[in-house]
């Protein structure tokens, strides 16, 4: 009984942290950028259109 209570509390805390992090990701999302490969180089640019 005590172990299940601890697991429920930890699960609730983890879910709360995940929701907060997801919300912050949506709020502070930078300008969209695209990545592409050019001559075996992985390049990411803010002005590259996303497909």
N, C-alpha and C. Protein backbone atom coordinates (compact mmCIF):
# COMPACT_ATOMS: atom_id res chain seq x y z
N UNK A 1 0.83 -1.19 0.00
CA UNK A 1 0.00 0.00 0.00
C UNK A 1 0.87 1.26 0.00
N UNK A 2 1.90 1.28 0.82
CA UNK A 2 2.77 2.45 0.89
C UNK A 2 3.58 2.61 -0.40
N UNK A 3 4.01 1.49 -0.98
CA UNK A 3 4.79 1.55 -2.22
C UNK A 3 3.95 2.08 -3.38
N UNK A 4 2.69 1.69 -3.45
CA UNK A 4 1.83 2.19 -4.53
C UNK A 4 1.58 3.68 -4.38
N UNK A 5 1.46 4.15 -3.14
CA UNK A 5 1.28 5.58 -2.92
C UNK A 5 2.51 6.36 -3.39
N UNK A 6 3.69 5.84 -3.08
CA UNK A 6 4.93 6.49 -3.51
C UNK A 6 5.02 6.50 -5.03
N UNK A 7 4.68 5.38 -5.67
CA UNK A 7 4.73 5.32 -7.13
C UNK A 7 3.72 6.26 -7.76
N UNK A 8 2.55 6.38 -7.17
CA UNK A 8 1.55 7.31 -7.70
C UNK A 8 2.02 8.76 -7.57
N UNK A 9 2.65 9.08 -6.46
CA UNK A 9 3.16 10.44 -6.28
C UNK A 9 4.27 10.73 -7.28
N UNK A 10 5.20 9.79 -7.45
CA UNK A 10 6.28 9.98 -8.41
C UNK A 10 5.75 10.10 -9.84
N UNK A 11 4.74 9.30 -10.16
CA UNK A 11 4.15 9.36 -11.49
C UNK A 11 3.47 10.71 -11.72
N UNK A 12 2.79 11.21 -10.72
CA UNK A 12 2.13 12.51 -10.83
C UNK A 12 3.15 13.63 -11.00
N UNK A 13 4.24 13.56 -10.25
CA UNK A 13 5.29 14.58 -10.37
C UNK A 13 5.92 14.52 -11.76
N UNK A 14 6.20 13.32 -12.25
CA UNK A 14 6.80 13.17 -13.58
C UNK A 14 5.86 13.70 -14.67
N UNK A 15 4.57 13.41 -14.55
CA UNK A 15 3.61 13.90 -15.54
C UNK A 15 3.52 15.43 -15.49
N UNK A 16 3.55 15.99 -14.29
CA UNK A 16 3.50 17.44 -14.16
C UNK A 16 4.71 18.11 -14.78
N UNK A 17 5.89 17.54 -14.55
CA UNK A 17 7.11 18.09 -15.14
C UNK A 17 7.05 17.99 -16.66
N UNK A 18 6.55 16.87 -17.17
CA UNK A 18 6.45 16.70 -18.63
C UNK A 18 5.50 17.73 -19.23
N UNK A 19 4.38 17.98 -18.58
CA UNK A 19 3.42 18.97 -19.09
C UNK A 19 4.03 20.37 -19.07
N UNK A 20 4.74 20.70 -18.01
CA UNK A 20 5.38 22.02 -17.92
C UNK A 20 6.43 22.18 -19.01
N UNK A 21 7.25 21.15 -19.22
CA UNK A 21 8.29 21.24 -20.24
C UNK A 21 7.69 21.35 -21.64
N UNK A 22 6.62 20.62 -21.90
CA UNK A 22 5.96 20.70 -23.21
C UNK A 22 5.35 22.08 -23.42
N UNK A 23 4.75 22.63 -22.37
CA UNK A 23 4.17 23.97 -22.47
C UNK A 23 5.25 25.01 -22.75
N UNK A 24 6.38 24.91 -22.06
CA UNK A 24 7.48 25.85 -22.29
C UNK A 24 8.04 25.71 -23.70
N UNK A 25 8.05 24.49 -24.22
CA UNK A 25 8.53 24.28 -25.58
C UNK A 25 7.62 24.98 -26.58
N UNK A 26 6.32 24.93 -26.35
CA UNK A 26 5.39 25.61 -27.26
C UNK A 26 5.47 27.13 -27.11
N UNK A 27 5.70 27.62 -25.91
CA UNK A 27 5.75 29.07 -25.69
C UNK A 27 7.02 29.70 -26.24
N UNK A 28 8.15 29.07 -26.02
CA UNK A 28 9.43 29.66 -26.39
C UNK A 28 10.04 28.99 -27.60
N UNK A 29 9.22 28.51 -28.50
CA UNK A 29 9.71 27.86 -29.71
C UNK A 29 10.35 28.91 -30.61
N UNK A 30 11.59 28.69 -31.04
CA UNK A 30 12.22 29.67 -31.92
C UNK A 30 11.58 29.65 -33.31
N UNK A 31 12.03 30.55 -34.14
CA UNK A 31 11.53 30.58 -35.51
C UNK A 31 11.79 29.23 -36.16
N UNK A 32 10.87 28.80 -37.00
CA UNK A 32 11.07 27.49 -37.65
C UNK A 32 12.31 27.51 -38.54
N UNK A 33 13.00 26.43 -38.53
CA UNK A 33 14.19 26.31 -39.36
C UNK A 33 14.20 24.94 -40.01
N UNK A 34 14.93 24.84 -41.07
CA UNK A 34 15.02 23.59 -41.79
C UNK A 34 16.44 23.07 -41.84
N UNK A 35 16.56 21.78 -41.97
CA UNK A 35 17.87 21.14 -42.07
C UNK A 35 17.96 20.39 -43.40
N UNK A 36 19.14 20.35 -43.95
CA UNK A 36 19.34 19.63 -45.19
C UNK A 36 20.78 19.12 -45.24
N UNK A 37 21.01 18.23 -46.19
CA UNK A 37 22.35 17.68 -46.39
C UNK A 37 22.92 18.26 -47.68
N UNK A 38 24.17 18.71 -47.62
CA UNK A 38 24.84 19.26 -48.78
C UNK A 38 26.28 18.78 -48.77
N UNK A 39 26.63 17.98 -49.74
CA UNK A 39 27.98 17.41 -49.83
C UNK A 39 28.38 16.74 -48.51
N UNK A 40 27.51 15.88 -48.01
CA UNK A 40 27.72 15.10 -46.79
C UNK A 40 27.83 15.97 -45.53
N UNK A 41 27.34 17.19 -45.58
CA UNK A 41 27.31 18.07 -44.41
C UNK A 41 25.86 18.28 -43.99
N UNK A 42 25.61 18.18 -42.72
CA UNK A 42 24.28 18.42 -42.17
C UNK A 42 24.20 19.90 -41.79
N UNK A 43 23.32 20.64 -42.46
CA UNK A 43 23.23 22.09 -42.26
C UNK A 43 21.81 22.45 -41.83
N UNK A 44 21.71 23.27 -40.79
CA UNK A 44 20.41 23.79 -40.34
C UNK A 44 20.44 25.31 -40.43
N UNK A 45 19.39 25.86 -41.04
CA UNK A 45 19.30 27.31 -41.20
C UNK A 45 17.90 27.78 -40.82
N UNK A 46 17.81 29.00 -40.29
CA UNK A 46 16.51 29.55 -39.91
C UNK A 46 15.69 29.98 -41.12
N UNK A 47 16.34 30.35 -42.20
CA UNK A 47 15.59 30.83 -43.35
C UNK A 47 15.34 29.75 -44.39
N UNK A 48 15.71 28.52 -44.08
CA UNK A 48 15.48 27.41 -45.02
C UNK A 48 14.05 26.91 -44.85
N UNK A 49 13.28 26.81 -45.92
CA UNK A 49 11.88 26.39 -45.77
C UNK A 49 11.75 24.94 -45.30
N UNK A 50 10.78 24.71 -44.45
CA UNK A 50 10.51 23.37 -43.95
C UNK A 50 9.56 22.67 -44.92
N UNK A 51 9.87 21.47 -45.29
CA UNK A 51 9.03 20.72 -46.23
C UNK A 51 8.12 19.78 -45.49
